[in-house]
């Protein structure tokens, strides 16, 4: 959201939420083995898709320490952007 604020793309944003789908190992200690993050955006009128995609990609590939950590130890890690 900080990146989107700096890009001045929050005008018309009605809602935002994130969901996480995951799988964990069966053996203990149980740890994540697969994570899929989903970003949901809903805008009033046209959504600035290109700016949203750029901001999420910047976050995921450059600024988010958790995502960097996930990439290092998970079997599968991905994210997607959904416009409602």
PDB file of N, CA and C in Angstrom:
ATOM      1  N   UNK A   1       0.821  -1.183   0.000  1.00  0.00           N
ATOM      2  CA  UNK A   1       0.000   0.000   0.000  1.00  0.00           C
ATOM      3  C   UNK A   1       0.869   1.254   0.000  1.00  0.00           C
ATOM      4  N   UNK A   2       2.041   1.185   0.632  1.00  0.00           N
ATOM      5  CA  UNK A   2       2.932   2.345   0.634  1.00  0.00           C
ATOM      6  C   UNK A   2       3.365   2.697  -0.787  1.00  0.00           C
ATOM      7  N   UNK A   3       3.671   1.697  -1.580  1.00  0.00           N
ATOM      8  CA  UNK A   3       4.079   1.942  -2.965  1.00  0.00           C
ATOM      9  C   UNK A   3       2.929   2.555  -3.745  1.00  0.00           C
ATOM     10  N   UNK A   4       1.728   2.033  -3.562  1.00  0.00           N
ATOM     11  CA  UNK A   4       0.566   2.571  -4.264  1.00  0.00           C
ATOM     12  C   UNK A   4       0.282   4.010  -3.848  1.00  0.00           C
ATOM     13  N   UNK A   5       0.472   4.307  -2.568  1.00  0.00           N
ATOM     14  CA  UNK A   5       0.297   5.674  -2.094  1.00  0.00           C
ATOM     15  C   UNK A   5       1.281   6.616  -2.781  1.00  0.00           C
ATOM     16  N   UNK A   6       2.531   6.185  -2.853  1.00  0.00           N
ATOM     17  CA  UNK A   6       3.550   7.007  -3.511  1.00  0.00           C
ATOM     18  C   UNK A   6       3.252   7.193  -5.000  1.00  0.00           C
ATOM     19  N   UNK A   7       2.636   6.180  -5.617  1.00  0.00           N
ATOM     20  CA  UNK A   7       2.284   6.255  -7.033  1.00  0.00           C
ATOM     21  C   UNK A   7       0.979   7.019  -7.251  1.00  0.00           C
ATOM     22  N   UNK A   8       0.344   7.417  -6.158  1.00  0.00           N
ATOM     23  CA  UNK A   8      -0.935   8.148  -6.195  1.00  0.00           C
ATOM     24  C   UNK A   8      -1.990   7.380  -6.984  1.00  0.00           C
ATOM     25  N   UNK A   9      -2.135   6.102  -6.633  1.00  0.00           N
ATOM     26  CA  UNK A   9      -3.089   5.237  -7.322  1.00  0.00           C
ATOM     27  C   UNK A   9      -4.217   4.756  -6.426  1.00  0.00           C
ATOM     28  N   UNK A  10      -4.390   5.350  -5.272  1.00  0.00           N
ATOM     29  CA  UNK A  10      -5.425   4.864  -4.363  1.00  0.00           C
ATOM     30  C   UNK A  10      -6.771   5.561  -4.560  1.00  0.00           C
ATOM     31  N   UNK A  11      -6.819   6.568  -5.410  1.00  0.00           N
ATOM     32  CA  UNK A  11      -8.099   7.218  -5.700  1.00  0.00           C
ATOM     33  C   UNK A  11      -9.050   6.235  -6.355  1.00  0.00           C
ATOM     34  N   UNK A  12     -10.251   6.133  -5.846  1.00  0.00           N
ATOM     35  CA  UNK A  12     -11.230   5.205  -6.391  1.00  0.00           C
ATOM     36  C   UNK A  12     -11.137   3.795  -5.833  1.00  0.00           C
ATOM     37  N   UNK A  13     -10.175   3.543  -4.949  1.00  0.00           N
ATOM     38  CA  UNK A  13     -10.059   2.212  -4.358  1.00  0.00           C
ATOM     39  C   UNK A  13     -11.202   1.994  -3.379  1.00  0.00           C
ATOM     40  N   UNK A  14     -12.023   0.996  -3.660  1.00  0.00           N
ATOM     41  CA  UNK A  14     -13.144   0.665  -2.780  1.00  0.00           C
ATOM     42  C   UNK A  14     -12.749  -0.362  -1.734  1.00  0.00           C
ATOM     43  N   UNK A  15     -11.966  -1.347  -2.147  1.00  0.00           N
ATOM     44  CA  UNK A  15     -11.564  -2.365  -1.177  1.00  0.00           C
ATOM     45  C   UNK A  15     -10.284  -3.056  -1.637  1.00  0.00           C
ATOM     46  N   UNK A  16      -9.583  -3.561  -0.645  1.00  0.00           N
ATOM     47  CA  UNK A  16      -8.367  -4.330  -0.867  1.00  0.00           C
ATOM     48  C   UNK A  16      -8.325  -5.418   0.191  1.00  0.00           C
ATOM     49  N   UNK A  17      -7.927  -6.612  -0.233  1.00  0.00           N
ATOM     50  CA  UNK A  17      -7.707  -7.694   0.725  1.00  0.00           C
ATOM     51  C   UNK A  17      -6.688  -8.652   0.138  1.00  0.00           C
ATOM     52  N   UNK A  18      -6.084  -9.408   1.029  1.00  0.00           N
ATOM     53  CA  UNK A  18      -5.155 -10.455   0.609  1.00  0.00           C
ATOM     54  C   UNK A  18      -5.624 -11.773   1.202  1.00  0.00           C
ATOM     55  N   UNK A  19      -5.435 -12.828   0.440  1.00  0.00           N
ATOM     56  CA  UNK A  19      -5.712 -14.176   0.915  1.00  0.00           C
ATOM     57  C   UNK A  19      -4.474 -15.016   0.667  1.00  0.00           C
ATOM     58  N   UNK A  20      -4.307 -16.028   1.498  1.00  0.00           N
ATOM     59  CA  UNK A  20      -3.165 -16.920   1.358  1.00  0.00           C
ATOM     60  C   UNK A  20      -3.666 -18.358   1.315  1.00  0.00           C
ATOM     61  N   UNK A  21      -3.299 -19.054   0.269  1.00  0.00           N
ATOM     62  CA  UNK A  21      -3.554 -20.495   0.167  1.00  0.00           C
ATOM     63  C   UNK A  21      -2.223 -21.175   0.479  1.00  0.00           C
ATOM     64  N   UNK A  22      -2.282 -22.241   1.256  1.00  0.00           N
ATOM     65  CA  UNK A  22      -1.022 -22.861   1.652  1.00  0.00           C
ATOM     66  C   UNK A  22      -1.180 -24.356   1.878  1.00  0.00           C
ATOM     67  N   UNK A  23      -0.050 -25.039   1.837  1.00  0.00           N
ATOM     68  CA  UNK A  23       0.046 -26.438   2.228  1.00  0.00           C
ATOM     69  C   UNK A  23       1.170 -26.523   3.243  1.00  0.00           C
ATOM     70  N   UNK A  24       0.991 -27.394   4.233  1.00  0.00           N
ATOM     71  CA  UNK A  24       2.032 -27.588   5.229  1.00  0.00           C
ATOM     72  C   UNK A  24       2.439 -29.063   5.249  1.00  0.00           C
ATOM     73  N   UNK A  25       3.601 -29.305   5.773  1.00  0.00           N
ATOM     74  CA  UNK A  25       4.111 -30.674   5.822  1.00  0.00           C
ATOM     75  C   UNK A  25       3.316 -31.497   6.835  1.00  0.00           C
ATOM     76  N   UNK A  26       3.322 -32.796   6.653  1.00  0.00           N
ATOM     77  CA  UNK A  26       2.622 -33.701   7.560  1.00  0.00           C
ATOM     78  C   UNK A  26       3.430 -33.968   8.830  1.00  0.00           C
ATOM     79  N   UNK A  27       4.746 -34.012   8.675  1.00  0.00           N
ATOM     80  CA  UNK A  27       5.604 -34.351   9.815  1.00  0.00           C
ATOM     81  C   UNK A  27       5.872 -33.109  10.669  1.00  0.00           C
ATOM     82  N   UNK A  28       6.206 -33.363  11.901  1.00  0.00           N
ATOM     83  CA  UNK A  28       6.507 -32.274  12.839  1.00  0.00           C
ATOM     84  C   UNK A  28       7.997 -31.984  12.835  1.00  0.00           C
ATOM     85  N   UNK A  29       8.417 -30.775  12.954  1.00  0.00           N
ATOM     86  CA  UNK A  29       7.569 -29.596  13.062  1.00  0.00           C
ATOM     87  C   UNK A  29       6.910 -29.297  11.715  1.00  0.00           C
ATOM     88  N   UNK A  30       5.622 -28.995  11.745  1.00  0.00           N
ATOM     89  CA  UNK A  30       4.873 -28.731  10.522  1.00  0.00           C
ATOM     90  C   UNK A  30       5.239 -27.340  10.006  1.00  0.00           C
ATOM     91  N   UNK A  31       5.708 -27.309   8.778  1.00  0.00           N
ATOM     92  CA  UNK A  31       6.105 -26.038   8.179  1.00  0.00           C
ATOM     93  C   UNK A  31       5.430 -25.870   6.819  1.00  0.00           C
ATOM     94  N   UNK A  32       5.402 -24.641   6.346  1.00  0.00           N
ATOM     95  CA  UNK A  32       4.840 -24.377   5.021  1.00  0.00           C
ATOM     96  C   UNK A  32       5.698 -25.039   3.961  1.00  0.00           C
ATOM     97  N   UNK A  33       5.020 -25.604   2.946  1.00  0.00           N
ATOM     98  CA  UNK A  33       5.757 -26.094   1.781  1.00  0.00           C
ATOM     99  C   UNK A  33       5.268 -25.426   0.500  1.00  0.00           C
ATOM    100  N   UNK A  34       4.060 -24.863   0.514  1.00  0.00           N
ATOM    101  CA  UNK A  34       3.507 -24.172  -0.656  1.00  0.00           C
ATOM    102  C   UNK A  34       2.710 -22.972  -0.170  1.00  0.00           C
ATOM    103  N   UNK A  35       2.903 -21.828  -0.816  1.00  0.00           N
ATOM    104  CA  UNK A  35       2.130 -20.630  -0.488  1.00  0.00           C
ATOM    105  C   UNK A  35       1.762 -19.915  -1.782  1.00  0.00           C
ATOM    106  N   UNK A  36       0.506 -19.540  -1.896  1.00  0.00           N
ATOM    107  CA  UNK A  36       0.028 -18.691  -2.990  1.00  0.00           C
ATOM    108  C   UNK A  36      -0.646 -17.492  -2.348  1.00  0.00           C
ATOM    109  N   UNK A  37      -0.151 -16.307  -2.656  1.00  0.00           N
ATOM    110  CA  UNK A  37      -0.760 -15.073  -2.170  1.00  0.00           C
ATOM    111  C   UNK A  37      -1.672 -14.523  -3.249  1.00  0.00           C
ATOM    112  N   UNK A  38      -2.818 -14.037  -2.835  1.00  0.00           N
ATOM    113  CA  UNK A  38      -3.763 -13.415  -3.778  1.00  0.00           C
ATOM    114  C   UNK A  38      -4.085 -12.011  -3.288  1.00  0.00           C
ATOM    115  N   UNK A  39      -3.870 -11.055  -4.179  1.00  0.00           N
ATOM    116  CA  UNK A  39      -4.182  -9.649  -3.903  1.00  0.00           C
ATOM    117  C   UNK A  39      -5.488  -9.325  -4.617  1.00  0.00           C
ATOM    118  N   UNK A  40      -6.468  -8.869  -3.871  1.00  0.00           N
ATOM    119  CA  UNK A  40      -7.766  -8.515  -4.442  1.00  0.00           C
ATOM    120  C   UNK A  40      -7.948  -6.999  -4.370  1.00  0.00           C
ATOM    121  N   UNK A  41      -8.207  -6.381  -5.521  1.00  0.00           N
ATOM    122  CA  UNK A  41      -8.443  -4.942  -5.594  1.00  0.00           C
ATOM    123  C   UNK A  41      -9.806  -4.690  -6.223  1.00  0.00           C
ATOM    124  N   UNK A  42     -10.528  -3.743  -5.652  1.00  0.00           N
ATOM    125  CA  UNK A  42     -11.796  -3.310  -6.241  1.00  0.00           C
ATOM    126  C   UNK A  42     -11.772  -1.794  -6.296  1.00  0.00           C
ATOM    127  N   UNK A  43     -11.969  -1.260  -7.490  1.00  0.00           N
ATOM    128  CA  UNK A  43     -11.971   0.179  -7.708  1.00  0.00           C
ATOM    129  C   UNK A  43     -13.333   0.634  -8.199  1.00  0.00           C
ATOM    130  N   UNK A  44     -13.656   1.862  -7.857  1.00  0.00           N
ATOM    131  CA  UNK A  44     -14.835   2.508  -8.436  1.00  0.00           C
ATOM    132  C   UNK A  44     -14.405   2.991  -9.813  1.00  0.00           C
ATOM    133  N   UNK A  45     -15.080   2.557 -10.845  1.00  0.00           N
ATOM    134  CA  UNK A  45     -14.680   2.919 -12.210  1.00  0.00           C
ATOM    135  C   UNK A  45     -13.505   2.077 -12.675  1.00  0.00           C
ATOM    136  N   UNK A  46     -12.745   2.640 -13.595  1.00  0.00           N
ATOM    137  CA  UNK A  46     -11.599   1.917 -14.158  1.00  0.00           C
ATOM    138  C   UNK A  46     -10.483   1.786 -13.130  1.00  0.00           C
ATOM    139  N   UNK A  47      -9.889   0.614 -13.084  1.00  0.00           N
ATOM    140  CA  UNK A  47      -8.770   0.392 -12.165  1.00  0.00           C
ATOM    141  C   UNK A  47      -7.459   0.659 -12.897  1.00  0.00           C
ATOM    142  N   UNK A  48      -6.485   1.240 -12.208  1.00  0.00           N
ATOM    143  CA  UNK A  48      -5.172   1.489 -12.809  1.00  0.00           C
ATOM    144  C   UNK A  48      -4.329   0.212 -12.812  1.00  0.00           C
ATOM    145  N   UNK A  49      -4.746  -0.767 -13.603  1.00  0.00           N
ATOM    146  CA  UNK A  49      -4.145  -2.105 -13.586  1.00  0.00           C
ATOM    147  C   UNK A  49      -2.634  -2.088 -13.741  1.00  0.00           C
ATOM    148  N   UNK A  50      -2.140  -1.303 -14.673  1.00  0.00           N
ATOM    149  CA  UNK A  50      -0.689  -1.297 -14.904  1.00  0.00           C
ATOM    150  C   UNK A  50       0.080  -0.826 -13.675  1.00  0.00           C
ATOM    151  N   UNK A  51      -0.429   0.193 -12.993  1.00  0.00           N
ATOM    152  CA  UNK A  51       0.245   0.697 -11.792  1.00  0.00           C
ATOM    153  C   UNK A  51       0.123  -0.289 -10.623  1.00  0.00           C
ATOM    154  N   UNK A  52      -1.033  -0.923 -10.506  1.00  0.00           N
ATOM    155  CA  UNK A  52      -1.227  -1.925  -9.445  1.00  0.00           C
ATOM    156  C   UNK A  52      -0.259  -3.087  -9.663  1.00  0.00           C
ATOM    157  N   UNK A  53      -0.203  -3.589 -10.877  1.00  0.00           N
ATOM    158  CA  UNK A  53       0.699  -4.704 -11.186  1.00  0.00           C
ATOM    159  C   UNK A  53       2.152  -4.318 -10.931  1.00  0.00           C
ATOM    160  N   UNK A  54       2.535  -3.109 -11.320  1.00  0.00           N
ATOM    161  CA  UNK A  54       3.901  -2.650 -11.090  1.00  0.00           C
ATOM    162  C   UNK A  54       4.210  -2.588  -9.594  1.00  0.00           C
ATOM    163  N   UNK A  55       3.284  -2.034  -8.807  1.00  0.00           N
ATOM    164  CA  UNK A  55       3.493  -1.894  -7.366  1.00  0.00           C
ATOM    165  C   UNK A  55       3.599  -3.257  -6.678  1.00  0.00           C
ATOM    166  N   UNK A  56       2.716  -4.178  -7.022  1.00  0.00           N
ATOM    167  CA  UNK A  56       2.761  -5.512  -6.408  1.00  0.00           C
ATOM    168  C   UNK A  56       4.046  -6.229  -6.809  1.00  0.00           C
ATOM    169  N   UNK A  57       4.420  -6.146  -8.073  1.00  0.00           N
ATOM    170  CA  UNK A  57       5.660  -6.784  -8.525  1.00  0.00           C
ATOM    171  C   UNK A  57       6.878  -6.186  -7.825  1.00  0.00           C
ATOM    172  N   UNK A  58       6.917  -4.867  -7.673  1.00  0.00           N
ATOM    173  CA  UNK A  58       8.011  -4.230  -6.938  1.00  0.00           C
ATOM    174  C   UNK A  58       8.067  -4.734  -5.503  1.00  0.00           C
ATOM    175  N   UNK A  59       6.912  -4.798  -4.880  1.00  0.00           N
ATOM    176  CA  UNK A  59       6.849  -5.271  -3.502  1.00  0.00           C
ATOM    177  C   UNK A  59       7.354  -6.708  -3.398  1.00  0.00           C
ATOM    178  N   UNK A  60       6.833  -7.570  -4.238  1.00  0.00           N
ATOM    179  CA  UNK A  60       7.173  -8.990  -4.165  1.00  0.00           C
ATOM    180  C   UNK A  60       8.620  -9.281  -4.541  1.00  0.00           C
ATOM    181  N   UNK A  61       9.150  -8.543  -5.482  1.00  0.00           N
ATOM    182  CA  UNK A  61      10.477  -8.858  -6.003  1.00  0.00           C
ATOM    183  C   UNK A  61      11.593  -7.964  -5.469  1.00  0.00           C
ATOM    184  N   UNK A  62      11.250  -6.991  -4.631  1.00  0.00           N
ATOM    185  CA  UNK A  62      12.300  -6.115  -4.171  1.00  0.00           C
ATOM    186  C   UNK A  62      12.235  -5.670  -2.730  1.00  0.00           C
ATOM    187  N   UNK A  63      11.052  -5.610  -2.172  1.00  0.00           N
ATOM    188  CA  UNK A  63      10.915  -5.006  -0.853  1.00  0.00           C
ATOM    189  C   UNK A  63      10.389  -5.934   0.241  1.00  0.00           C
ATOM    190  N   UNK A  64       9.670  -6.960  -0.112  1.00  0.00           N
ATOM    191  CA  UNK A  64       9.021  -7.802   0.896  1.00  0.00           C
ATOM    192  C   UNK A  64       9.980  -8.888   1.401  1.00  0.00           C
ATOM    193  N   UNK A  65      10.434  -8.731   2.633  1.00  0.00           N
ATOM    194  CA  UNK A  65      11.348  -9.699   3.226  1.00  0.00           C
ATOM    195  C   UNK A  65      10.724 -11.064   3.428  1.00  0.00           C
ATOM    196  N   UNK A  66       9.430 -11.090   3.728  1.00  0.00           N
ATOM    197  CA  UNK A  66       8.748 -12.374   3.936  1.00  0.00           C
ATOM    198  C   UNK A  66       8.714 -13.160   2.627  1.00  0.00           C
ATOM    199  N   UNK A  67       8.383 -12.494   1.535  1.00  0.00           N
ATOM    200  CA  UNK A  67       8.352 -13.183   0.237  1.00  0.00           C
ATOM    201  C   UNK A  67       9.738 -13.677  -0.151  1.00  0.00           C
ATOM    202  N   UNK A  68      10.760 -12.884   0.117  1.00  0.00           N
ATOM    203  CA  UNK A  68      12.131 -13.310  -0.162  1.00  0.00           C
ATOM    204  C   UNK A  68      12.473 -14.558   0.640  1.00  0.00           C
ATOM    205  N   UNK A  69      12.078 -14.572   1.897  1.00  0.00           N
ATOM    206  CA  UNK A  69      12.326 -15.724   2.745  1.00  0.00           C
ATOM    207  C   UNK A  69      11.551 -16.951   2.227  1.00  0.00           C
ATOM    208  N   UNK A  70      10.279 -16.761   1.869  1.00  0.00           N
ATOM    209  CA  UNK A  70       9.486 -17.864   1.335  1.00  0.00           C
ATOM    210  C   UNK A  70      10.153 -18.461   0.104  1.00  0.00           C
ATOM    211  N   UNK A  71      10.636 -17.631  -0.812  1.00  0.00           N
ATOM    212  CA  UNK A  71      11.261 -18.133  -2.034  1.00  0.00           C
ATOM    213  C   UNK A  71      12.457 -19.021  -1.737  1.00  0.00           C
ATOM    214  N   UNK A  72      13.134 -18.756  -0.634  1.00  0.00           N
ATOM    215  CA  UNK A  72      14.344 -19.507  -0.313  1.00  0.00           C
ATOM    216  C   UNK A  72      14.066 -20.897   0.239  1.00  0.00           C
ATOM    217  N   UNK A  73      12.927 -21.089   0.911  1.00  0.00           N
ATOM    218  CA  UNK A  73      12.730 -22.399   1.538  1.00  0.00           C
ATOM    219  C   UNK A  73      11.464 -23.141   1.137  1.00  0.00           C
ATOM    220  N   UNK A  74      10.563 -22.525   0.416  1.00  0.00           N
ATOM    221  CA  UNK A  74       9.338 -23.230   0.013  1.00  0.00           C
ATOM    222  C   UNK A  74       9.544 -24.017  -1.276  1.00  0.00           C
ATOM    223  N   UNK A  75       8.820 -25.105  -1.393  1.00  0.00           N
ATOM    224  CA  UNK A  75       8.816 -25.862  -2.649  1.00  0.00           C
ATOM    225  C   UNK A  75       8.154 -25.035  -3.745  1.00  0.00           C
ATOM    226  N   UNK A  76       7.107 -24.280  -3.363  1.00  0.00           N
ATOM    227  CA  UNK A  76       6.374 -23.474  -4.340  1.00  0.00           C
ATOM    228  C   UNK A  76       5.896 -22.197  -3.673  1.00  0.00           C
ATOM    229  N   UNK A  77       6.160 -21.060  -4.319  1.00  0.00           N
ATOM    230  CA  UNK A  77       5.676 -19.773  -3.854  1.00  0.00           C
ATOM    231  C   UNK A  77       5.276 -18.940  -5.060  1.00  0.00           C
ATOM    232  N   UNK A  78       4.071 -18.397  -5.023  1.00  0.00           N
ATOM    233  CA  UNK A  78       3.615 -17.550  -6.114  1.00  0.00           C
ATOM    234  C   UNK A  78       2.594 -16.545  -5.600  1.00  0.00           C
ATOM    235  N   UNK A  79       2.241 -15.611  -6.456  1.00  0.00           N
ATOM    236  CA  UNK A  79       1.228 -14.618  -6.108  1.00  0.00           C
ATOM    237  C   UNK A  79       0.447 -14.244  -7.364  1.00  0.00           C
ATOM    238  N   UNK A  80      -0.745 -13.730  -7.146  1.00  0.00           N
ATOM    239  CA  UNK A  80      -1.547 -13.271  -8.261  1.00  0.00           C
ATOM    240  C   UNK A  80      -2.354 -12.055  -7.849  1.00  0.00           C
ATOM    241  N   UNK A  81      -2.715 -11.257  -8.839  1.00  0.00           N
ATOM    242  CA  UNK A  81      -3.483 -10.041  -8.619  1.00  0.00           C
ATOM    243  C   UNK A  81      -4.846 -10.235  -9.256  1.00  0.00           C
ATOM    244  N   UNK A  82      -5.893  -9.958  -8.480  1.00  0.00           N
ATOM    245  CA  UNK A  82      -7.256 -10.158  -8.971  1.00  0.00           C
ATOM    246  C   UNK A  82      -7.998  -8.826  -8.844  1.00  0.00           C
ATOM    247  N   UNK A  83      -8.598  -8.397  -9.949  1.00  0.00           N
ATOM    248  CA  UNK A  83      -9.398  -7.184  -9.962  1.00  0.00           C
ATOM    249  C   UNK A  83     -10.862  -7.576  -9.931  1.00  0.00           C
ATOM    250  N   UNK A  84     -11.552  -7.063  -8.946  1.00  0.00           N
ATOM    251  CA  UNK A  84     -12.967  -7.428  -8.784  1.00  0.00           C
ATOM    252  C   UNK A  84     -13.870  -6.367  -9.371  1.00  0.00           C
TER     253      UNK A  84
END
